[in-house]
């Protein structure tokens, strides 16, 4: 059973809440958040907030400024490039391994339908989450637990990069959907070379959007 917020320690509760707000964009890039502000909202003392901030800083999500607060670290082009390079290694490996699998196509068709619905509702944050799940399903089907753990370790950075790209660049969410549709079409055509090229172009376009 997954712990509810009430079951978590104060530090973990603050850590989880602040992290979620950074990943979904509630706390914007470059925004300064204070210990007092977070402590007041969470109904805790400043000590667990300070401890949570230290952990979030170790994950490069915030930068601490003594007596001022914590700055939400912006997503940089350099950081995005490093994550996308790692994704290309893992996802191209997975695509070469499972491109012909009908269960991949079935999962991707379902994801495309959900992405279209979320775009129609202009729910960009939920769209971004679904877009990341679209890619993870590919890696999961490759059935390599080491690759999947590596990929999952990039989850938070992927979510932030995707969020930054679709919010900084007008029309990027629509482009992401079109690129996903083109990737599915390439897989359905049975051309692994084309699918690999479209995957590379898609991830590179996200990097360029930043």
Protein backbone atom coordinates (compact mmCIF):
# COMPACT_ATOMS: atom_id res chain seq x y z
CA UNK A 1 0.00 0.00 0.00
CA UNK A 2 1.35 3.41 -0.94
CA UNK A 3 1.86 5.83 1.92
CA UNK A 4 -0.59 8.71 2.07
CA UNK A 5 0.76 12.21 2.83
CA UNK A 6 -0.54 11.86 6.41
CA UNK A 7 1.57 8.72 6.92
CA UNK A 8 4.85 10.35 5.90
CA UNK A 9 7.28 12.02 8.28
CA UNK A 10 7.23 15.83 8.17
CA UNK A 11 10.49 15.90 6.20
CA UNK A 12 9.28 13.38 3.63
CA UNK A 13 5.91 15.12 3.36
CA UNK A 14 7.56 18.47 2.66
CA UNK A 15 10.09 16.87 0.30
CA UNK A 16 7.37 15.08 -1.69
CA UNK A 17 5.13 18.15 -1.93
CA UNK A 18 7.85 20.59 -2.96
CA UNK A 19 9.31 18.14 -5.47
CA UNK A 20 5.92 17.55 -7.08
CA UNK A 21 5.38 21.29 -7.35
CA UNK A 22 8.74 21.74 -9.04
CA UNK A 23 8.12 18.89 -11.48
CA UNK A 24 4.62 20.03 -12.46
CA UNK A 25 5.63 23.67 -12.76
CA UNK A 26 3.64 25.00 -9.80
CA UNK A 27 6.97 26.35 -8.58
CA UNK A 28 8.35 28.04 -11.66
CA UNK A 29 11.94 28.01 -12.88
CA UNK A 30 13.83 30.80 -11.14
CA UNK A 31 11.20 31.22 -8.41
CA UNK A 32 12.43 31.82 -4.86
CA UNK A 33 10.59 29.80 -2.22
CA UNK A 34 11.15 30.35 1.49
CA UNK A 35 11.29 28.01 4.46
CA UNK A 36 8.61 30.03 6.23
CA UNK A 37 6.25 29.90 3.26
CA UNK A 38 6.54 26.13 2.90
CA UNK A 39 6.43 25.51 6.65
CA UNK A 40 3.26 27.55 6.99
CA UNK A 41 1.50 25.73 4.16
CA UNK A 42 2.58 22.30 5.45
CA UNK A 43 1.84 23.08 9.08
CA UNK A 44 5.31 22.06 10.26
CA UNK A 45 8.33 23.75 11.81
CA UNK A 46 11.19 25.03 9.67
CA UNK A 47 13.48 22.12 10.59
CA UNK A 48 11.87 19.47 8.32
CA UNK A 49 11.60 22.09 5.56
CA UNK A 50 15.32 22.82 5.87
CA UNK A 51 16.10 19.08 5.75
CA UNK A 52 13.89 18.61 2.68
CA UNK A 53 15.52 21.57 0.95
CA UNK A 54 18.97 20.03 1.49
CA UNK A 55 17.82 16.80 -0.16
CA UNK A 56 16.25 18.67 -3.07
CA UNK A 57 19.44 20.65 -3.56
CA UNK A 58 21.40 17.38 -3.77
CA UNK A 59 19.09 16.41 -6.65
CA UNK A 60 19.86 19.73 -8.40
CA UNK A 61 16.24 20.86 -8.25
CA UNK A 62 16.87 23.91 -6.05
CA UNK A 63 19.78 26.10 -4.99
CA UNK A 64 19.90 27.25 -1.38
CA UNK A 65 20.53 30.85 -0.37
CA UNK A 66 21.10 31.26 3.40
CA UNK A 67 18.48 33.46 5.11
CA UNK A 68 16.71 34.01 1.79
CA UNK A 69 15.29 30.68 0.69
CA UNK A 70 15.64 28.26 -2.19
CA UNK A 71 15.76 29.09 -5.89
CA UNK A 72 14.13 26.64 -8.29
CA UNK A 73 16.96 25.75 -10.65
CA UNK A 74 16.09 26.46 -14.29
CA UNK A 75 16.42 23.71 -16.89
CA UNK A 76 19.52 24.53 -18.93
CA UNK A 77 20.30 23.52 -22.50
CA UNK A 78 23.42 21.72 -21.30
CA UNK A 79 21.53 19.63 -18.75
CA UNK A 80 18.87 18.79 -21.33
CA UNK A 81 21.51 17.72 -23.84
CA UNK A 82 23.08 15.30 -21.35
CA UNK A 83 19.72 13.71 -20.48
CA UNK A 84 18.71 13.40 -24.12
CA UNK A 85 22.02 11.77 -25.04
CA UNK A 86 21.41 9.15 -22.35
CA UNK A 87 17.82 8.67 -23.51
CA UNK A 88 18.93 8.12 -27.08
CA UNK A 89 21.27 5.32 -26.03
CA UNK A 90 18.57 3.54 -24.04
CA UNK A 91 15.59 4.18 -26.32
CA UNK A 92 17.36 3.30 -29.57
CA UNK A 93 18.52 0.05 -27.97
CA UNK A 94 14.96 -0.71 -26.90
CA UNK A 95 13.48 0.25 -30.25
CA UNK A 96 15.85 -2.03 -32.14
CA UNK A 97 14.87 -4.87 -29.81
CA UNK A 98 11.08 -4.54 -29.80
CA UNK A 99 10.11 -2.45 -32.85
CA UNK A 100 8.20 -5.32 -34.42
CA UNK A 101 6.25 -6.21 -31.27
CA UNK A 102 2.48 -5.78 -31.74
CA UNK A 103 2.05 -5.14 -28.00
CA UNK A 104 4.25 -2.03 -28.35
CA UNK A 105 2.03 -0.70 -31.12
CA UNK A 106 -1.10 -1.46 -29.08
CA UNK A 107 0.26 0.38 -26.03
CA UNK A 108 1.35 3.33 -28.14
CA UNK A 109 -2.02 3.63 -29.85
CA UNK A 110 -3.68 3.86 -26.44
CA UNK A 111 -1.17 6.46 -25.31
CA UNK A 112 -1.72 8.52 -28.48
CA UNK A 113 -5.46 8.58 -27.80
CA UNK A 114 -4.83 9.83 -24.25
CA UNK A 115 -2.37 12.45 -25.50
CA UNK A 116 -4.90 13.78 -28.02
CA UNK A 117 -7.58 14.00 -25.33
CA UNK A 118 -5.27 15.85 -22.93
CA UNK A 119 -4.26 18.32 -25.64
CA UNK A 120 -7.91 18.91 -26.48
CA UNK A 121 -8.44 19.75 -22.80
CA UNK A 122 -5.28 21.93 -22.87
CA UNK A 123 -3.95 19.99 -19.88
CA UNK A 124 -0.29 20.38 -20.79
CA UNK A 125 1.10 19.06 -17.52
CA UNK A 126 -0.86 15.81 -17.75
CA UNK A 127 0.06 15.64 -21.44
CA UNK A 128 3.73 15.90 -20.52
CA UNK A 129 3.38 13.05 -18.03
CA UNK A 130 1.62 10.86 -20.61
CA UNK A 131 4.29 11.69 -23.19
CA UNK A 132 6.98 10.42 -20.82
CA UNK A 133 4.99 7.23 -20.18
CA UNK A 134 4.77 6.75 -23.96
CA UNK A 135 8.55 6.50 -24.09
CA UNK A 136 8.89 4.44 -20.91
CA UNK A 137 6.60 1.74 -22.28
CA UNK A 138 9.14 1.19 -25.07
CA UNK A 139 12.02 0.72 -22.64
CA UNK A 140 9.96 -1.52 -20.34
CA UNK A 141 9.12 -3.90 -23.19
CA UNK A 142 12.82 -4.38 -23.96
CA UNK A 143 12.93 -6.44 -20.73
CA UNK A 144 16.39 -5.25 -19.67
CA UNK A 145 16.11 -4.34 -15.96
CA UNK A 146 19.42 -2.46 -15.92
CA UNK A 147 18.38 -0.26 -18.84
CA UNK A 148 14.98 0.34 -17.24
CA UNK A 149 16.53 1.37 -13.91
CA UNK A 150 18.85 3.75 -15.74
CA UNK A 151 15.91 5.18 -17.65
CA UNK A 152 13.79 5.58 -14.53
CA UNK A 153 16.64 7.42 -12.82
CA UNK A 154 16.17 10.14 -15.45
CA UNK A 155 12.41 10.47 -14.81
CA UNK A 156 12.44 13.70 -12.82
CA UNK A 157 14.78 15.41 -15.26
CA UNK A 158 12.72 14.18 -18.22
CA UNK A 159 9.54 15.62 -16.72
CA UNK A 160 11.21 18.99 -16.10
CA UNK A 161 12.73 19.09 -19.59
CA UNK A 162 9.42 18.21 -21.22
CA UNK A 163 7.58 20.77 -19.11
CA UNK A 164 10.09 23.48 -19.97
CA UNK A 165 9.99 22.68 -23.67
CA UNK A 166 6.20 22.79 -24.04
CA UNK A 167 5.84 25.92 -21.93
CA UNK A 168 8.74 27.88 -23.42
CA UNK A 169 8.00 27.06 -27.07
CA UNK A 170 4.58 27.84 -28.50
CA UNK A 171 3.05 24.83 -30.26
CA UNK A 172 5.65 22.38 -28.94
CA UNK A 173 3.02 20.09 -27.39
CA UNK A 174 1.28 19.72 -30.76
CA UNK A 175 4.65 18.98 -32.35
CA UNK A 176 5.36 16.31 -29.74
CA UNK A 177 2.08 14.58 -30.56
CA UNK A 178 2.81 14.74 -34.31
CA UNK A 179 6.30 13.33 -33.74
CA UNK A 180 4.87 10.51 -31.62
CA UNK A 181 2.34 9.72 -34.36
CA UNK A 182 5.13 9.65 -36.96
CA UNK A 183 7.17 7.32 -34.76
CA UNK A 184 4.24 4.93 -34.36
CA UNK A 185 3.66 4.98 -38.13
CA UNK A 186 7.32 4.10 -38.75
CA UNK A 187 7.12 1.17 -36.32
CA UNK A 188 3.88 -0.02 -37.96
CA UNK A 189 5.54 0.13 -41.37
CA UNK A 190 8.14 -2.38 -40.24
CA UNK A 191 11.08 -0.10 -41.05
CA UNK A 192 13.38 -0.08 -37.97
CA UNK A 193 15.82 2.33 -39.60
CA UNK A 194 13.08 4.88 -40.20
CA UNK A 195 11.75 4.41 -36.68
CA UNK A 196 15.22 5.00 -35.24
CA UNK A 197 15.67 8.15 -37.30
CA UNK A 198 12.30 9.52 -36.20
CA UNK A 199 13.07 8.78 -32.57
CA UNK A 200 16.36 10.67 -32.86
CA UNK A 201 14.68 13.62 -34.61
CA UNK A 202 11.96 13.74 -31.97
CA UNK A 203 14.31 13.83 -28.98
CA UNK A 204 16.62 16.29 -30.73
CA UNK A 205 13.66 18.61 -31.38
CA UNK A 206 12.95 18.71 -27.65
CA UNK A 207 16.53 19.72 -27.01
CA UNK A 208 16.31 22.43 -29.68
CA UNK A 209 13.10 23.75 -28.13
CA UNK A 210 15.14 24.70 -25.08
